[in-house]
Amino acid sequence: MENLGLNLQSFIINTLVFGVFFVLMHFLVLKKIGAVITKREAKLMEADKRSEETKHALEKAKEEFAKIIENAKEESHKIVNDSKHQANDQAKKILEKAQIDAGEIIVKAQGVLTVEKEKMLADFRENLEKSVKESLTIILSSQADKIDFDAKVLEEVTVKS
């Protein structure tokens, strides 16, 4: 070994120093670094786990939100359709009532017109009768001198009319 430039004694001392150094480093530094690394790894794993849980919770919340939105849309469509049906029903009821009211007004008006027509006809007949009586009376009284009419005939004609 001396040919190679190595001294056995210095090699053994260096190996022992390296071994002691390695053991000291292992117990003093590497264990602490390992513990720190293990803690960080545990924290990262926990954070990753929470991240996954949060991701799943977010996806679940999105699904629930989508369901709520869908239900709200369906409910709004239902409300709109119900409102349309109610409006149509009320419009039909209003139209039916208006038609019934119009029919009643027409019937009343026809009744009033019939009564007024009969009154007018009765008045017309009465006035016509009076006019005919007066005319006949005038004609008969002026003709009575020329034609010998009895007073009886004149009375009978005026009474019958």
C-alpha atoms as a PDB file:
ATOM      1  CA  MET A   1       0.000   0.000   0.000  1.00  0.00           C
ATOM      2  CA  GLU A   2       2.861   2.170   0.481  1.00  0.00           C
ATOM      3  CA  ASN A   3       3.566   1.722  -3.186  1.00  0.00           C
ATOM      4  CA  LEU A   4       0.270   3.356  -3.904  1.00  0.00           C
ATOM      5  CA  GLY A   5       0.970   6.197  -1.569  1.00  0.00           C
ATOM      6  CA  LEU A   6      -1.387   5.053   1.117  1.00  0.00           C
ATOM      7  CA  ASN A   7      -0.467   4.743   4.693  1.00  0.00           C
ATOM      8  CA  LEU A   8      -2.363   2.012   6.524  1.00  0.00           C
ATOM      9  CA  GLN A   9      -2.292   3.818   9.809  1.00  0.00           C
ATOM     10  CA  SER A  10      -3.582   7.033   8.344  1.00  0.00           C
ATOM     11  CA  PHE A  11      -6.215   5.077   6.374  1.00  0.00           C
ATOM     12  CA  ILE A  12      -7.502   3.404   9.532  1.00  0.00           C
ATOM     13  CA  ILE A  13      -7.531   6.686  11.455  1.00  0.00           C
ATOM     14  CA  ASN A  14      -9.326   8.445   8.658  1.00  0.00           C
ATOM     15  CA  THR A  15     -11.832   5.580   8.421  1.00  0.00           C
ATOM     16  CA  LEU A  16     -12.418   5.715  12.196  1.00  0.00           C
ATOM     17  CA  VAL A  17     -12.753   9.492  12.116  1.00  0.00           C
ATOM     18  CA  PHE A  18     -15.169   9.196   9.218  1.00  0.00           C
ATOM     19  CA  GLY A  19     -17.134   6.498  11.045  1.00  0.00           C
ATOM     20  CA  VAL A  20     -17.304   8.569  14.235  1.00  0.00           C
ATOM     21  CA  PHE A  21     -18.198  11.619  12.198  1.00  0.00           C
ATOM     22  CA  PHE A  22     -20.895   9.631  10.392  1.00  0.00           C
ATOM     23  CA  VAL A  23     -22.338   8.263  13.661  1.00  0.00           C
ATOM     24  CA  LEU A  24     -22.315  11.742  15.266  1.00  0.00           C
ATOM     25  CA  MET A  25     -23.886  13.267  12.172  1.00  0.00           C
ATOM     26  CA  HIS A  26     -26.459  10.535  12.112  1.00  0.00           C
ATOM     27  CA  PHE A  27     -27.515  11.039  15.728  1.00  0.00           C
ATOM     28  CA  LEU A  28     -27.109  14.803  15.935  1.00  0.00           C
ATOM     29  CA  VAL A  29     -28.151  16.072  12.550  1.00  0.00           C
ATOM     30  CA  LEU A  30     -29.672  13.393  10.361  1.00  0.00           C
ATOM     31  CA  LYS A  31     -32.189  12.193  12.966  1.00  0.00           C
ATOM     32  CA  LYS A  32     -33.359  15.781  13.522  1.00  0.00           C
ATOM     33  CA  ILE A  33     -33.502  16.428   9.791  1.00  0.00           C
ATOM     34  CA  GLY A  34     -35.330  13.108   9.326  1.00  0.00           C
ATOM     35  CA  ALA A  35     -37.823  14.080  12.032  1.00  0.00           C
ATOM     36  CA  VAL A  36     -38.381  17.467  10.389  1.00  0.00           C
ATOM     37  CA  ILE A  37     -38.772  15.793   7.011  1.00  0.00           C
ATOM     38  CA  THR A  38     -41.192  13.231   8.487  1.00  0.00           C
ATOM     39  CA  LYS A  39     -43.241  16.017  10.118  1.00  0.00           C
ATOM     40  CA  ARG A  40     -43.321  17.991   6.874  1.00  0.00           C
ATOM     41  CA  GLU A  41     -44.266  14.887   4.967  1.00  0.00           C
ATOM     42  CA  ALA A  42     -47.089  14.208   7.444  1.00  0.00           C
ATOM     43  CA  LYS A  43     -48.273  17.809   7.130  1.00  0.00           C
ATOM     44  CA  LEU A  44     -48.146  17.588   3.341  1.00  0.00           C
ATOM     45  CA  MET A  45     -50.073  14.312   3.416  1.00  0.00           C
ATOM     46  CA  GLU A  46     -52.653  15.833   5.734  1.00  0.00           C
ATOM     47  CA  ALA A  47     -52.886  18.944   3.555  1.00  0.00           C
ATOM     48  CA  ASP A  48     -53.245  16.726   0.477  1.00  0.00           C
ATOM     49  CA  LYS A  49     -55.951  14.724   2.252  1.00  0.00           C
ATOM     50  CA  ARG A  50     -57.784  17.933   3.241  1.00  0.00           C
ATOM     51  CA  SER A  51     -57.369  19.185  -0.302  1.00  0.00           C
ATOM     52  CA  GLU A  52     -58.987  16.015  -1.651  1.00  0.00           C
ATOM     53  CA  GLU A  53     -61.776  16.262   0.916  1.00  0.00           C
ATOM     54  CA  THR A  54     -62.311  19.900  -0.001  1.00  0.00           C
ATOM     55  CA  LYS A  55     -62.287  18.976  -3.681  1.00  0.00           C
ATOM     56  CA  HIS A  56     -64.919  16.298  -3.077  1.00  0.00           C
ATOM     57  CA  ALA A  57     -66.963  18.694  -0.940  1.00  0.00           C
ATOM     58  CA  LEU A  58     -66.738  21.314  -3.686  1.00  0.00           C
ATOM     59  CA  GLU A  59     -67.867  18.816  -6.312  1.00  0.00           C
ATOM     60  CA  LYS A  60     -70.726  17.720  -4.065  1.00  0.00           C
ATOM     61  CA  ALA A  61     -71.682  21.375  -3.462  1.00  0.00           C
ATOM     62  CA  LYS A  62     -71.593  22.002  -7.221  1.00  0.00           C
ATOM     63  CA  GLU A  63     -73.880  19.017  -7.786  1.00  0.00           C
ATOM     64  CA  GLU A  64     -76.254  20.196  -5.066  1.00  0.00           C
ATOM     65  CA  PHE A  65     -76.162  23.721  -6.492  1.00  0.00           C
ATOM     66  CA  ALA A  66     -76.946  22.352  -9.962  1.00  0.00           C
ATOM     67  CA  LYS A  67     -79.848  20.346  -8.497  1.00  0.00           C
ATOM     68  CA  ILE A  68     -81.119  23.409  -6.648  1.00  0.00           C
ATOM     69  CA  ILE A  69     -80.897  25.494  -9.824  1.00  0.00           C
ATOM     70  CA  GLU A  70     -82.681  22.782 -11.813  1.00  0.00           C
ATOM     71  CA  ASN A  71     -85.394  22.506  -9.157  1.00  0.00           C
ATOM     72  CA  ALA A  72     -85.734  26.296  -9.094  1.00  0.00           C
ATOM     73  CA  LYS A  73     -86.096  26.344 -12.890  1.00  0.00           C
ATOM     74  CA  GLU A  74     -88.710  23.596 -12.777  1.00  0.00           C
ATOM     75  CA  GLU A  75     -90.542  25.372  -9.979  1.00  0.00           C
ATOM     76  CA  SER A  76     -90.456  28.687 -11.842  1.00  0.00           C
ATOM     77  CA  HIS A  77     -91.784  27.009 -15.002  1.00  0.00           C
ATOM     78  CA  LYS A  78     -94.502  25.377 -12.931  1.00  0.00           C
ATOM     79  CA  ILE A  79     -95.415  28.696 -11.308  1.00  0.00           C
ATOM     80  CA  VAL A  80     -95.486  30.448 -14.689  1.00  0.00           C
ATOM     81  CA  ASN A  81     -97.661  27.701 -16.189  1.00  0.00           C
ATOM     82  CA  ASP A  82     -99.984  27.733 -13.173  1.00  0.00           C
ATOM     83  CA  SER A  83    -100.229  31.522 -13.431  1.00  0.00           C
ATOM     84  CA  LYS A  84    -101.045  31.274 -17.131  1.00  0.00           C
ATOM     85  CA  HIS A  85    -103.745  28.695 -16.429  1.00  0.00           C
ATOM     86  CA  GLN A  86    -105.186  30.795 -13.621  1.00  0.00           C
ATOM     87  CA  ALA A  87    -105.133  33.889 -15.836  1.00  0.00           C
ATOM     88  CA  ASN A  88    -106.849  31.971 -18.642  1.00  0.00           C
ATOM     89  CA  ASP A  89    -109.438  30.604 -16.207  1.00  0.00           C
ATOM     90  CA  GLN A  90    -110.117  34.068 -14.818  1.00  0.00           C
ATOM     91  CA  ALA A  91    -110.314  35.509 -18.319  1.00  0.00           C
ATOM     92  CA  LYS A  92    -112.848  32.815 -19.258  1.00  0.00           C
ATOM     93  CA  LYS A  93    -114.856  33.513 -16.104  1.00  0.00           C
ATOM     94  CA  ILE A  94    -114.811  37.246 -16.799  1.00  0.00           C
ATOM     95  CA  LEU A  95    -115.887  36.690 -20.407  1.00  0.00           C
ATOM     96  CA  GLU A  96    -118.648  34.302 -19.335  1.00  0.00           C
ATOM     97  CA  LYS A  97    -119.878  36.792 -16.727  1.00  0.00           C
ATOM     98  CA  ALA A  98    -119.719  39.589 -19.284  1.00  0.00           C
ATOM     99  CA  GLN A  99    -121.712  37.482 -21.747  1.00  0.00           C
ATOM    100  CA  ILE A 100    -124.256  36.629 -19.068  1.00  0.00           C
ATOM    101  CA  ASP A 101    -124.498  40.284 -18.034  1.00  0.00           C
ATOM    102  CA  ALA A 102    -124.803  41.354 -21.666  1.00  0.00           C
ATOM    103  CA  GLY A 103    -127.523  38.735 -22.201  1.00  0.00           C
ATOM    104  CA  GLU A 104    -129.395  39.988 -19.126  1.00  0.00           C
ATOM    105  CA  ILE A 105    -129.093  43.595 -20.319  1.00  0.00           C
ATOM    106  CA  ILE A 106    -130.358  42.594 -23.774  1.00  0.00           C
ATOM    107  CA  VAL A 107    -133.296  40.681 -22.265  1.00  0.00           C
ATOM    108  CA  LYS A 108    -134.157  43.646 -20.023  1.00  0.00           C
ATOM    109  CA  ALA A 109    -133.827  46.047 -22.940  1.00  0.00           C
ATOM    110  CA  GLN A 110    -136.049  43.842 -25.095  1.00  0.00           C
ATOM    111  CA  GLY A 111    -138.591  43.716 -22.280  1.00  0.00           C
ATOM    112  CA  VAL A 112    -138.506  47.488 -21.922  1.00  0.00           C
ATOM    113  CA  LEU A 113    -138.773  47.895 -25.689  1.00  0.00           C
ATOM    114  CA  THR A 114    -141.723  45.492 -25.818  1.00  0.00           C
ATOM    115  CA  VAL A 115    -143.494  47.374 -23.031  1.00  0.00           C
ATOM    116  CA  GLU A 116    -142.748  50.727 -24.694  1.00  0.00           C
ATOM    117  CA  LYS A 117    -143.895  49.380 -28.062  1.00  0.00           C
ATOM    118  CA  GLU A 118    -147.157  48.146 -26.577  1.00  0.00           C
ATOM    119  CA  LYS A 119    -147.660  51.502 -24.830  1.00  0.00           C
ATOM    120  CA  MET A 120    -147.005  53.344 -28.063  1.00  0.00           C
ATOM    121  CA  LEU A 121    -149.392  51.081 -29.965  1.00  0.00           C
ATOM    122  CA  ALA A 122    -152.052  51.526 -27.257  1.00  0.00           C
ATOM    123  CA  ASP A 123    -151.539  55.308 -27.311  1.00  0.00           C
ATOM    124  CA  PHE A 124    -151.626  55.272 -31.104  1.00  0.00           C
ATOM    125  CA  ARG A 125    -154.843  53.224 -31.149  1.00  0.00           C
ATOM    126  CA  GLU A 126    -156.400  55.487 -28.532  1.00  0.00           C
ATOM    127  CA  ASN A 127    -155.407  58.646 -30.421  1.00  0.00           C
ATOM    128  CA  LEU A 128    -156.550  57.089 -33.702  1.00  0.00           C
ATOM    129  CA  GLU A 129    -159.821  56.104 -32.121  1.00  0.00           C
ATOM    130  CA  LYS A 130    -160.324  59.609 -30.740  1.00  0.00           C
ATOM    131  CA  SER A 131    -159.452  61.132 -34.097  1.00  0.00           C
ATOM    132  CA  VAL A 132    -161.806  58.791 -35.942  1.00  0.00           C
ATOM    133  CA  LYS A 133    -164.579  59.500 -33.436  1.00  0.00           C
ATOM    134  CA  GLU A 134    -164.069  63.253 -33.720  1.00  0.00           C
ATOM    135  CA  SER A 135    -163.916  63.048 -37.491  1.00  0.00           C
ATOM    136  CA  LEU A 136    -167.010  60.899 -37.676  1.00  0.00           C
ATOM    137  CA  THR A 137    -168.803  63.172 -35.245  1.00  0.00           C
ATOM    138  CA  ILE A 138    -167.915  66.215 -37.322  1.00  0.00           C
ATOM    139  CA  ILE A 139    -168.807  64.495 -40.594  1.00  0.00           C
ATOM    140  CA  LEU A 140    -172.021  63.056 -39.246  1.00  0.00           C
ATOM    141  CA  SER A 141    -173.085  66.258 -37.579  1.00  0.00           C
ATOM    142  CA  SER A 142    -172.492  68.251 -40.761  1.00  0.00           C
ATOM    143  CA  GLN A 143    -174.257  65.627 -42.860  1.00  0.00           C
ATOM    144  CA  ALA A 144    -177.111  65.195 -40.385  1.00  0.00           C
ATOM    145  CA  ASP A 145    -178.965  68.169 -41.837  1.00  0.00           C
ATOM    146  CA  LYS A 146    -178.741  66.820 -45.343  1.00  0.00           C
ATOM    147  CA  ILE A 147    -179.476  63.254 -44.512  1.00  0.00           C
ATOM    148  CA  ASP A 148    -182.019  62.480 -41.912  1.00  0.00           C
ATOM    149  CA  PHE A 149    -180.115  60.573 -39.401  1.00  0.00           C
ATOM    150  CA  ASP A 150    -181.499  59.709 -36.145  1.00  0.00           C
ATOM    151  CA  ALA A 151    -179.713  60.691 -32.989  1.00  0.00           C
ATOM    152  CA  LYS A 152    -179.741  57.066 -32.116  1.00  0.00           C
ATOM    153  CA  VAL A 153    -177.609  56.082 -35.076  1.00  0.00           C
ATOM    154  CA  LEU A 154    -175.091  58.752 -34.205  1.00  0.00           C
ATOM    155  CA  GLU A 155    -174.910  57.598 -30.636  1.00  0.00           C
ATOM    156  CA  GLU A 156    -174.553  53.963 -31.642  1.00  0.00           C
ATOM    157  CA  VAL A 157    -171.679  54.767 -33.963  1.00  0.00           C
ATOM    158  CA  THR A 158    -169.846  56.824 -31.389  1.00  0.00           C
ATOM    159  CA  VAL A 159    -170.408  54.286 -28.631  1.00  0.00           C
ATOM    160  CA  LYS A 160    -169.282  51.307 -30.726  1.00  0.00           C
ATOM    161  CA  SER A 161    -166.132  52.955 -31.806  1.00  0.00           C
END
